[in-house]
Amino acid sequence: MAGVKANVLFFDRKPASEKPWTEKLWVYDLRTNMHFTLKTNPLRYEHLQDFIQCYNPENRFDRKETERFKAFTYDELMQRDKVSLDIFWLKDESLEDYESSGD
């Protein structure tokens, strides 16, 4: 059975505005090359420690990009096909294995 793919979004409640409130969208990729299962490799609190550190809830204006945590500007988001938020940039190692085994 295939794993569940999910995105978690955090929003600030703000009044409507003609100018978009969003200047940057921060995305943390915890799905690429991370294979969690209910029995053999369940998601645990320690798996989220890097996200918590990157998210930096104490000072969200002092966030830094990492391999798994990236910022996308409003203009970059608007240029995506159908403004899709299915964003990924890391190379999936399981796809590399599949491609190399077909030789």
Protein backbone atom coordinates (compact mmCIF):
# COMPACT_ATOMS: atom_id res chain seq x y z
CA MET A 1 0.00 0.00 0.00
CA ALA A 2 1.34 3.42 -0.96
CA GLY A 3 2.09 6.00 1.72
CA VAL A 4 -0.02 9.07 2.26
CA LYS A 5 1.36 12.30 0.84
CA ALA A 6 0.36 15.38 2.79
CA ASN A 7 1.22 19.05 2.96
CA VAL A 8 0.74 21.15 6.06
CA LEU A 9 0.04 24.84 5.55
CA PHE A 10 0.21 27.59 8.19
CA PHE A 11 -1.71 30.83 7.60
CA ASP A 12 -1.87 34.13 9.44
CA ARG A 13 -5.37 35.56 9.63
CA LYS A 14 -5.32 39.00 8.01
CA PRO A 15 -7.93 41.30 6.48
CA ALA A 16 -8.49 41.28 2.71
CA SER A 17 -6.07 43.41 0.72
CA GLU A 18 -5.63 44.37 -2.93
CA LYS A 19 -1.89 43.78 -2.57
CA PRO A 20 -1.11 40.16 -1.64
CA TRP A 21 0.03 39.73 1.95
CA THR A 22 2.28 36.85 0.94
CA GLU A 23 5.78 37.94 0.06
CA LYS A 24 7.42 34.53 0.56
CA LEU A 25 6.19 30.99 1.04
CA TRP A 26 8.52 28.76 3.03
CA VAL A 27 8.42 25.05 2.12
CA TYR A 28 10.00 22.22 4.10
CA ASP A 29 10.36 18.94 2.17
CA LEU A 30 10.02 16.01 4.57
CA ARG A 31 8.84 13.60 1.89
CA THR A 32 11.74 13.19 -0.53
CA ASN A 33 13.96 10.23 0.43
CA MET A 34 12.15 9.88 3.76
CA HIS A 35 10.24 6.62 3.86
CA PHE A 36 7.99 6.33 6.89
CA THR A 37 5.81 3.30 7.56
CA LEU A 38 3.44 2.44 10.39
CA LYS A 39 5.32 -0.69 11.43
CA THR A 40 9.01 -0.52 10.52
CA ASN A 41 9.78 3.23 10.37
CA PRO A 42 7.02 5.34 11.96
CA LEU A 43 7.28 9.13 11.94
CA ARG A 44 8.64 10.24 15.31
CA TYR A 45 9.12 13.56 17.05
CA GLU A 46 12.87 13.49 16.37
CA HIS A 47 12.17 13.43 12.61
CA LEU A 48 10.56 16.87 13.00
CA GLN A 49 13.41 18.50 14.92
CA ASP A 50 15.08 19.92 11.79
CA PHE A 51 11.75 21.38 10.63
CA ILE A 52 11.16 23.02 14.03
CA GLN A 53 14.63 24.56 13.96
CA CYS A 54 14.19 25.78 10.36
CA TYR A 55 10.66 27.09 10.99
CA ASN A 56 12.13 29.27 13.74
CA PRO A 57 8.87 30.15 15.51
CA GLU A 58 10.67 32.58 17.83
CA ASN A 59 11.75 34.79 14.91
CA ARG A 60 10.22 33.85 11.59
CA PHE A 61 11.89 36.85 9.92
CA ASP A 62 15.30 35.32 10.59
CA ARG A 63 14.77 32.07 8.69
CA LYS A 64 17.57 30.56 6.60
CA GLU A 65 17.29 28.24 3.61
CA THR A 66 18.69 24.71 3.95
CA GLU A 67 18.69 21.65 1.72
CA ARG A 68 15.13 20.82 2.82
CA PHE A 69 13.79 24.32 3.63
CA LYS A 70 13.37 26.87 0.84
CA ALA A 71 11.56 30.15 0.28
CA PHE A 72 9.57 30.98 -2.85
CA THR A 73 8.50 34.52 -3.70
CA TYR A 74 4.94 35.49 -4.58
CA ASP A 75 6.00 36.03 -8.22
CA GLU A 76 7.63 32.58 -8.39
CA LEU A 77 4.45 30.98 -7.03
CA MET A 78 2.20 32.82 -9.48
CA GLN A 79 4.29 31.54 -12.42
CA ARG A 80 3.75 27.89 -11.46
CA ASP A 81 1.33 25.82 -13.54
CA LYS A 82 -2.14 26.51 -12.08
CA VAL A 83 -0.32 28.11 -9.13
CA SER A 84 0.41 24.58 -7.87
CA LEU A 85 1.85 24.31 -4.38
CA ASP A 86 3.09 20.76 -5.02
CA ILE A 87 6.68 21.98 -4.77
CA PHE A 88 9.75 19.78 -4.69
CA TRP A 89 13.41 20.27 -5.60
CA LEU A 90 15.29 17.36 -4.02
CA LYS A 91 16.19 14.41 -6.21
CA ASP A 92 14.28 11.25 -5.25
CA GLU A 93 16.91 8.50 -4.81
CA SER A 94 14.33 5.74 -5.33
CA LEU A 95 13.67 7.09 -8.83
CA GLU A 96 17.41 7.05 -9.57
CA ASP A 97 17.58 3.40 -8.48
CA TYR A 98 14.62 2.58 -10.71
CA GLU A 99 16.10 4.37 -13.73
CA SER A 100 19.53 2.74 -13.31
CA SER A 101 18.06 -0.77 -12.95
CA GLY A 102 16.48 -0.56 -16.41
CA ASP A 103 19.84 -0.87 -18.26
